[in-house]
Amino acid sequence: MIAAANSHALWYLTRATGLVSLLLLTSSVVLGIVGVQRWKSTRWPRFLTGGLHKNVSLLAVAFLAVHIVTAVTDSFVTIRWVNVFVPFTGTYRPVWLGLGAVASDLLIALVITSIARQRIGVRVWRAVHWAAYACWPVALVHGLGTGTDARQPWALAAYIGSLAVVCGATWWRLSTSDRVHAGRRAAGLATSVAVPLVVLAWLTAGPLQPGWAARAGTPTSASTVASVTVTPPAAFASPFAATLTGTAAESQPDTNGNATVSVAATLSGTVNGVLAVTITGQAVSSGGVTMASSTATLGPAGQPSLYTGQVTALKGNNLTLRLVGPSTTVYATVTVTLGTSGNLTGTIQTSSTPPA
C-alpha cells in the first residue's frame, strides 16, 4: 500500500508540474513579446518586464526539472532518461512524449547559451533565443497529446487560455510595431490566426475523442494505474457488468430532518471489487432520502477508493454514478433490490461515456 500511495503521488505531481511549467512558459513568452515591443508605463518601467521575464523563465525550468524527474521515477509507465532528451525514442505515446523531449532540449539550450552569453556572443545567443520560442507551441501540443487531463474542463481551459494569450500577444506585437516589414506583418498576423484554428481542429478530432490513449501509443501494460499497483490490467477496463451483493442502511433523521443512506456492496462476476455509496438529504416518510449530496467509491478490495465520485442521478433504486480514476472517468448505472434486514442485491454496468 505504501508503494501504491507513492506511485499515485508521483503521478499527480507529474501532471501538476507539467501544467504549471506550461503556464510559466506561456507567461515567459508573453513577457518576451512585451519586452521586444519595449512597452512601459509610468507604473511599470521597462526593466521590470526584463527582470520578471528572466525569473519566470527560471521558475519554468525548475518546475520542468521536477516534471521530468517524477515522470522518469514513476512506475506507472516506462520513461527512461534517454527518452527525456532524445526525441521519439520512448514506447509510451512516442510522438507526443518526443515533442516534450524537443521542448526540453530547446529550453536547456536557451539556459546554457544564456549562461555562456559573454563567450558565445550576442548574435549566437539571440539566434538560439529566437529558436527557443518554438519550445512553447511544442510543449503545448506535448501536453495535449501526452497528458491524461486534456478532457478535464479545468485543464482544457488552461491549455486554450495559454493559446489565446500567446496568439493575442503576438497579434498585438505585429499590429502595433512600426519596425516589422508589411509582408512579414501580414504573414505573422495570418499565422497567429491559423495556428489556433489548426490546434483546436486537431484537439477536437484527437485528444478530446474517446480512445485517444490507444491511438496516441499507450502500451497496454500502462492502460490503468490499477495494473501497476493492485489488480490485473483488465480488472476495471470499462465497459463491464458485474453482480452486486451487500447491505444498505439509513440513519435516523437529525433535528433538521436530514438522514444518510449508506450502501456497501461487493462486485462479483466479470470483475471483483467493492462499491460504497453515501447519499445525504431530507428524509422521506416512506423511506429513503431526497438527495442533497453524495459520495461514491469503487475499486478492488485492496484499494477500494481507486475511483471516486458522486451520484449524478437517483430514481428509486436506480443510481447513476460518475467516478474519476487515475487515468479515466467511468460512468456506472447501479440497480439494487432491497431485501430483509438491509440486505441488497443488484447489478452494476459501466461505460466510458455518460448514459443517455
Protein backbone atom coordinates (compact mmCIF):
# COMPACT_ATOMS: atom_id res chain seq x y z
CA MET A 1 0.00 0.00 0.00
CA ILE A 2 2.89 2.37 0.64
CA ALA A 3 4.25 1.69 -2.84
CA ALA A 4 0.83 2.32 -4.35
CA ALA A 5 0.49 5.63 -2.50
CA ASN A 6 3.94 6.76 -3.65
CA SER A 7 3.10 5.85 -7.25
CA HIS A 8 -0.09 7.89 -7.11
CA ALA A 9 1.73 10.84 -5.54
CA LEU A 10 4.34 10.82 -8.32
CA TRP A 11 1.64 10.52 -10.96
CA TYR A 12 -0.28 13.53 -9.62
CA LEU A 13 2.95 15.51 -9.20
CA THR A 14 3.99 14.81 -12.79
CA ARG A 15 0.66 16.08 -14.09
CA ALA A 16 0.66 19.17 -11.87
CA THR A 17 4.24 20.25 -12.58
CA GLY A 18 3.75 19.70 -16.30
CA LEU A 19 0.76 22.03 -16.42
CA VAL A 20 2.44 24.62 -14.18
CA SER A 21 5.54 24.51 -16.42
CA LEU A 22 3.38 25.26 -19.46
CA LEU A 23 1.65 28.17 -17.71
CA LEU A 24 5.00 29.63 -16.63
CA LEU A 25 6.40 29.14 -20.13
CA THR A 26 3.34 30.91 -21.51
CA SER A 27 3.97 33.83 -19.16
CA SER A 28 7.63 33.90 -20.19
CA VAL A 29 6.75 34.03 -23.89
CA VAL A 30 4.25 36.85 -23.36
CA LEU A 31 6.77 38.82 -21.27
CA GLY A 32 9.36 38.27 -24.01
CA ILE A 33 6.97 39.68 -26.61
CA VAL A 34 6.21 42.65 -24.38
CA GLY A 35 9.95 43.20 -23.84
CA VAL A 36 10.69 43.16 -27.57
CA GLN A 37 7.94 45.72 -28.09
CA ARG A 38 9.63 47.89 -25.40
CA TRP A 39 6.31 48.52 -23.71
CA LYS A 40 6.31 50.53 -20.49
CA SER A 41 4.12 52.81 -18.42
CA THR A 42 4.54 55.27 -15.57
CA ARG A 43 3.85 52.49 -13.05
CA TRP A 44 5.68 49.72 -14.93
CA PRO A 45 9.18 50.65 -16.11
CA ARG A 46 10.71 48.52 -18.85
CA PHE A 47 13.38 46.95 -16.63
CA LEU A 48 10.65 45.27 -14.57
CA THR A 49 9.48 43.35 -17.64
CA GLY A 50 13.01 42.11 -18.31
CA GLY A 51 13.59 41.02 -14.70
CA LEU A 52 10.22 39.30 -14.46
CA HIS A 53 10.81 37.55 -17.78
CA LYS A 54 14.10 36.15 -16.51
CA ASN A 55 12.72 34.99 -13.15
CA VAL A 56 9.61 33.40 -14.64
CA SER A 57 11.78 31.55 -17.17
CA LEU A 58 13.99 30.19 -14.39
CA LEU A 59 10.93 29.12 -12.42
CA ALA A 60 9.62 27.32 -15.51
CA VAL A 61 12.93 25.45 -15.77
CA ALA A 62 12.68 24.44 -12.10
CA PHE A 63 9.17 23.05 -12.50
CA LEU A 64 10.23 21.32 -15.71
CA ALA A 65 13.05 19.60 -13.81
CA VAL A 66 10.58 18.27 -11.23
CA HIS A 67 8.21 17.23 -14.03
CA ILE A 68 10.96 15.23 -15.73
CA VAL A 69 12.27 13.58 -12.54
CA THR A 70 8.82 12.47 -11.40
CA ALA A 71 7.90 11.18 -14.87
CA VAL A 72 11.04 9.03 -15.00
CA THR A 73 10.71 7.87 -11.39
CA ASP A 74 7.02 6.96 -11.58
CA SER A 75 6.47 3.25 -12.20
CA PHE A 76 3.11 3.78 -13.94
CA VAL A 77 4.80 3.99 -17.36
CA THR A 78 8.31 3.24 -18.55
CA ILE A 79 10.06 6.51 -19.36
CA ARG A 80 13.83 6.38 -19.35
CA TRP A 81 16.30 9.24 -19.10
CA VAL A 82 17.27 8.80 -22.74
CA ASN A 83 13.62 9.32 -23.74
CA VAL A 84 13.65 12.67 -21.96
CA PHE A 85 16.50 14.12 -24.02
CA VAL A 86 16.49 12.09 -27.26
CA PRO A 87 13.16 12.68 -29.03
CA PHE A 88 10.91 9.86 -30.23
CA THR A 89 12.85 7.02 -28.57
CA GLY A 90 10.24 6.01 -25.97
CA THR A 91 7.49 3.40 -26.08
CA TYR A 92 4.86 5.42 -24.19
CA ARG A 93 2.99 7.73 -26.59
CA PRO A 94 6.28 8.12 -28.53
CA VAL A 95 5.31 11.04 -30.80
CA TRP A 96 3.83 13.19 -28.05
CA LEU A 97 6.47 12.29 -25.48
CA GLY A 98 9.09 13.01 -28.17
CA LEU A 99 7.68 16.52 -28.59
CA GLY A 100 8.18 17.00 -24.86
CA ALA A 101 11.84 16.00 -25.31
CA VAL A 102 12.17 18.54 -28.13
CA ALA A 103 10.71 21.28 -25.91
CA SER A 104 13.03 20.31 -23.05
CA ASP A 105 16.08 20.34 -25.32
CA LEU A 106 15.20 23.79 -26.63
CA LEU A 107 14.75 25.15 -23.13
CA ILE A 108 18.03 23.59 -21.96
CA ALA A 109 19.82 25.12 -24.96
CA LEU A 110 18.40 28.51 -24.02
CA VAL A 111 19.61 28.18 -20.42
CA ILE A 112 23.11 27.06 -21.43
CA THR A 113 23.57 29.81 -24.03
CA SER A 114 22.26 32.42 -21.59
CA ILE A 115 24.87 31.35 -19.04
CA ALA A 116 27.60 31.43 -21.69
CA ARG A 117 26.33 34.58 -23.39
CA GLN A 118 29.55 36.54 -22.86
CA ARG A 119 31.60 33.81 -24.52
CA ILE A 120 29.42 32.90 -27.49
CA GLY A 121 28.43 36.43 -28.43
CA VAL A 122 25.10 38.20 -28.69
CA ARG A 123 24.40 37.05 -32.27
CA VAL A 124 24.55 33.32 -31.45
CA TRP A 125 22.66 33.84 -28.21
CA ARG A 126 19.89 35.77 -29.99
CA ALA A 127 19.59 33.07 -32.66
CA VAL A 128 19.17 30.36 -30.02
CA HIS A 129 16.83 32.61 -28.04
CA TRP A 130 14.51 33.05 -31.01
CA ALA A 131 14.63 29.34 -31.79
CA ALA A 132 13.65 28.63 -28.20
CA TYR A 133 10.32 30.38 -28.79
CA ALA A 134 9.38 27.17 -30.64
CA CYS A 135 9.56 25.49 -27.23
CA TRP A 136 6.16 26.90 -26.27
CA PRO A 137 3.95 25.51 -29.09
CA VAL A 138 5.81 22.19 -28.97
CA ALA A 139 5.23 21.99 -25.20
CA LEU A 140 1.56 22.87 -25.68
CA VAL A 141 0.99 20.04 -28.17
CA HIS A 142 3.05 17.68 -25.98
CA GLY A 143 0.78 18.39 -23.01
CA LEU A 144 -2.40 17.88 -25.00
CA GLY A 145 -1.16 14.71 -26.67
CA THR A 146 0.56 13.06 -23.71
CA GLY A 147 -1.35 14.34 -20.71
CA THR A 148 -4.30 12.50 -19.20
CA ASP A 149 -6.21 15.66 -18.28
CA ALA A 150 -6.87 17.15 -21.72
CA ARG A 151 -10.58 16.29 -21.46
CA GLN A 152 -10.95 17.82 -17.99
CA PRO A 153 -12.60 21.29 -18.15
CA TRP A 154 -10.02 22.96 -15.89
CA ALA A 155 -7.07 21.60 -17.86
CA LEU A 156 -8.69 22.37 -21.20
CA ALA A 157 -9.29 25.95 -20.02
CA ALA A 158 -5.60 26.27 -19.11
CA TYR A 159 -4.42 24.96 -22.49
CA ILE A 160 -6.84 27.06 -24.57
CA GLY A 161 -6.21 30.10 -22.37
CA SER A 162 -2.45 29.77 -22.93
CA LEU A 163 -3.02 29.50 -26.68
CA ALA A 164 -5.27 32.56 -26.70
CA VAL A 165 -2.91 34.68 -24.59
CA VAL A 166 0.20 33.98 -26.68
CA CYS A 167 -1.62 34.42 -30.01
CA GLY A 168 -3.19 37.62 -28.71
CA ALA A 169 0.19 38.99 -27.60
CA THR A 170 1.68 38.09 -30.98
CA TRP A 171 -1.17 39.86 -32.78
CA TRP A 172 -0.67 42.95 -30.62
CA ARG A 173 3.09 42.93 -31.26
CA LEU A 174 2.71 42.67 -35.04
CA SER A 175 -0.17 45.11 -35.39
CA THR A 176 1.40 47.88 -33.28
CA SER A 177 5.07 47.66 -34.21
CA ASP A 178 6.42 50.01 -36.89
CA ARG A 179 9.64 48.01 -37.15
CA VAL A 180 8.10 44.98 -38.87
CA HIS A 181 8.02 44.79 -42.66
CA ALA A 182 4.49 44.90 -44.08
CA GLY A 183 4.82 41.49 -45.71
CA ARG A 184 6.12 39.87 -42.55
CA ARG A 185 3.40 41.56 -40.54
CA ALA A 186 0.68 40.16 -42.79
CA ALA A 187 2.20 36.67 -42.71
CA GLY A 188 2.59 36.81 -38.94
CA LEU A 189 -0.97 38.00 -38.38
CA ALA A 190 -2.31 35.25 -40.62
CA THR A 191 -0.22 32.67 -38.76
CA SER A 192 -1.44 33.89 -35.36
CA VAL A 193 -5.00 33.19 -36.55
CA ALA A 194 -4.30 29.94 -38.41
CA VAL A 195 -2.29 28.23 -35.66
CA PRO A 196 -5.06 28.27 -33.01
CA LEU A 197 -7.58 27.06 -35.57
CA VAL A 198 -5.33 24.15 -36.54
CA VAL A 199 -4.63 23.26 -32.90
CA LEU A 200 -8.32 23.38 -31.99
CA ALA A 201 -9.26 21.24 -35.01
CA TRP A 202 -6.64 18.64 -34.07
CA LEU A 203 -7.69 18.78 -30.42
CA THR A 204 -11.33 18.16 -31.33
CA ALA A 205 -10.50 15.27 -33.64
CA GLY A 206 -7.79 13.77 -31.43
CA PRO A 207 -7.26 14.13 -27.65
CA LEU A 208 -10.89 15.03 -26.93
CA GLN A 209 -12.19 11.90 -28.64
CA PRO A 210 -12.72 8.56 -26.83
CA GLY A 211 -9.96 6.06 -27.46
CA TRP A 212 -7.23 8.69 -27.78
CA ALA A 213 -4.97 6.89 -25.29
CA ALA A 214 -4.70 3.86 -27.55
CA ARG A 215 -4.28 5.93 -30.72
CA ALA A 216 -1.62 8.06 -29.03
CA GLY A 217 0.51 4.98 -28.45
CA THR A 218 -0.18 4.00 -24.84
CA PRO A 219 1.17 0.47 -24.24
CA THR A 220 -1.45 -1.98 -22.99
CA SER A 221 0.64 -2.54 -19.86
CA ALA A 222 0.10 1.11 -18.92
CA SER A 223 -3.61 1.28 -19.62
CA THR A 224 -4.55 1.74 -15.95
CA VAL A 225 -2.79 2.55 -12.74
CA ALA A 226 -4.53 -0.44 -11.19
CA SER A 227 -2.48 -2.72 -13.42
CA VAL A 228 0.69 -1.50 -11.76
CA THR A 229 -0.35 -1.39 -8.15
CA VAL A 230 -3.14 -3.75 -7.23
CA THR A 231 -5.12 -5.56 -9.92
CA PRO A 232 -4.58 -7.10 -13.36
CA PRO A 233 -4.73 -4.65 -16.31
CA ALA A 234 -8.24 -5.62 -17.41
CA ALA A 235 -9.83 -5.72 -13.92
CA PHE A 236 -11.62 -2.40 -14.31
CA ALA A 237 -11.43 -1.93 -18.06
CA SER A 238 -14.69 -0.23 -18.98
CA PRO A 239 -17.28 -1.20 -20.05
CA PHE A 240 -18.04 -4.08 -17.71
CA ALA A 241 -21.04 -5.55 -15.94
CA ALA A 242 -21.00 -7.23 -12.54
CA THR A 243 -23.30 -8.55 -9.84
CA LEU A 244 -23.72 -6.72 -6.53
CA THR A 245 -24.40 -8.12 -3.07
CA GLY A 246 -24.24 -6.12 0.13
CA THR A 247 -26.13 -4.04 2.63
CA ALA A 248 -27.97 -0.73 2.79
CA ALA A 249 -28.57 1.28 5.96
CA GLU A 250 -30.39 4.53 6.70
CA SER A 251 -29.56 6.73 9.68
CA GLN A 252 -32.14 8.34 11.92
CA PRO A 253 -33.10 11.87 10.80
CA ASP A 254 -31.37 14.68 12.65
CA THR A 255 -33.06 17.74 14.08
CA ASN A 256 -33.33 19.24 10.58
CA GLY A 257 -34.88 16.09 9.14
CA ASN A 258 -31.75 15.06 7.25
CA ALA A 259 -30.66 11.42 7.03
CA THR A 260 -27.92 9.41 5.36
CA VAL A 261 -28.30 6.26 3.28
CA SER A 262 -25.15 4.12 3.08
CA VAL A 263 -24.65 1.32 0.56
CA ALA A 264 -21.77 -1.15 0.82
CA ALA A 265 -21.60 -3.82 -1.88
CA THR A 266 -19.23 -6.42 -3.27
CA LEU A 267 -18.77 -6.87 -7.03
CA SER A 268 -18.50 -10.36 -8.47
CA GLY A 269 -18.61 -11.92 -11.91
CA THR A 270 -16.54 -10.31 -14.66
CA VAL A 271 -14.70 -8.16 -12.07
CA ASN A 272 -14.15 -8.38 -8.33
CA GLY A 273 -14.16 -5.35 -6.10
CA VAL A 274 -16.15 -3.17 -3.72
CA LEU A 275 -18.59 -0.30 -4.16
CA ALA A 276 -19.56 2.21 -1.48
CA VAL A 277 -22.20 4.93 -1.91
CA THR A 278 -23.35 7.51 0.64
CA ILE A 279 -26.39 9.73 -0.04
CA THR A 280 -27.41 12.53 2.31
CA GLY A 281 -30.62 14.55 2.16
CA GLN A 282 -34.08 15.20 3.56
CA ALA A 283 -35.63 12.01 4.92
CA VAL A 284 -38.75 10.78 3.14
CA SER A 285 -41.58 9.34 5.25
CA SER A 286 -41.87 6.26 3.04
CA GLY A 287 -38.16 5.52 3.39
CA GLY A 288 -35.05 6.87 1.74
CA VAL A 289 -33.96 10.47 1.24
CA THR A 290 -34.20 13.29 -1.26
CA MET A 291 -30.58 13.57 -2.37
CA ALA A 292 -28.73 16.76 -1.46
CA SER A 293 -25.16 15.44 -1.57
CA SER A 294 -23.40 12.15 -2.21
CA THR A 295 -20.09 10.33 -2.42
CA ALA A 296 -19.16 7.13 -4.23
CA THR A 297 -16.06 4.95 -4.37
CA LEU A 298 -15.17 1.90 -6.46
CA GLY A 299 -12.13 -0.31 -6.58
CA PRO A 300 -10.55 -3.66 -5.83
CA ALA A 301 -10.66 -4.93 -2.25
CA GLY A 302 -7.09 -3.82 -1.60
CA GLN A 303 -7.73 -0.31 -2.95
CA PRO A 304 -11.45 0.44 -2.52
CA SER A 305 -11.15 4.14 -3.40
CA LEU A 306 -9.32 3.73 -6.70
CA TYR A 307 -12.27 5.50 -8.35
CA THR A 308 -14.04 8.33 -6.53
CA GLY A 309 -17.05 10.44 -7.48
CA GLN A 310 -20.69 11.05 -6.75
CA VAL A 311 -24.25 10.12 -7.67
CA THR A 312 -25.41 12.15 -10.67
CA ALA A 313 -28.95 10.76 -10.84
CA LEU A 314 -31.20 8.98 -8.34
CA LYS A 315 -34.52 7.42 -9.28
CA GLY A 316 -35.90 4.93 -6.79
CA ASN A 317 -33.39 2.11 -6.53
CA ASN A 318 -31.59 3.11 -9.73
CA LEU A 319 -28.43 5.21 -9.38
CA THR A 320 -26.13 6.78 -11.94
CA LEU A 321 -22.56 7.38 -10.78
CA ARG A 322 -19.69 9.43 -12.20
CA LEU A 323 -16.34 8.09 -10.97
CA VAL A 324 -12.90 9.50 -11.71
CA GLY A 325 -9.97 7.08 -11.66
CA PRO A 326 -6.21 7.50 -12.07
CA SER A 327 -6.40 7.81 -15.86
CA THR A 328 -10.06 7.74 -16.88
CA THR A 329 -13.62 8.69 -15.98
CA VAL A 330 -16.14 5.87 -15.57
CA TYR A 331 -19.93 6.18 -15.62
CA ALA A 332 -21.84 3.48 -13.76
CA THR A 333 -25.52 2.54 -13.72
CA VAL A 334 -26.44 0.73 -10.50
CA THR A 335 -29.71 -1.11 -9.91
CA VAL A 336 -30.38 -2.59 -6.47
CA THR A 337 -33.13 -4.64 -4.90
CA LEU A 338 -33.56 -4.33 -1.14
CA GLY A 339 -34.27 -7.43 0.90
CA THR A 340 -34.90 -8.03 4.55
CA SER A 341 -32.59 -6.77 7.30
CA GLY A 342 -30.97 -4.27 4.95
CA ASN A 343 -29.55 -6.84 2.55
CA LEU A 344 -29.39 -5.92 -1.11
CA THR A 345 -28.67 -7.50 -4.47
CA GLY A 346 -28.25 -5.82 -7.82
CA THR A 347 -26.12 -5.10 -10.83
CA ILE A 348 -23.60 -2.51 -11.96
CA GLN A 349 -22.96 -1.59 -15.59
CA THR A 350 -20.14 0.82 -16.50
CA SER A 351 -19.22 2.73 -19.64
CA SER A 352 -16.69 5.37 -20.67
CA THR A 353 -19.43 7.77 -21.79
CA PRO A 354 -22.37 9.22 -19.84
CA PRO A 355 -25.57 7.14 -20.09
CA ALA A 356 -28.27 8.54 -22.34
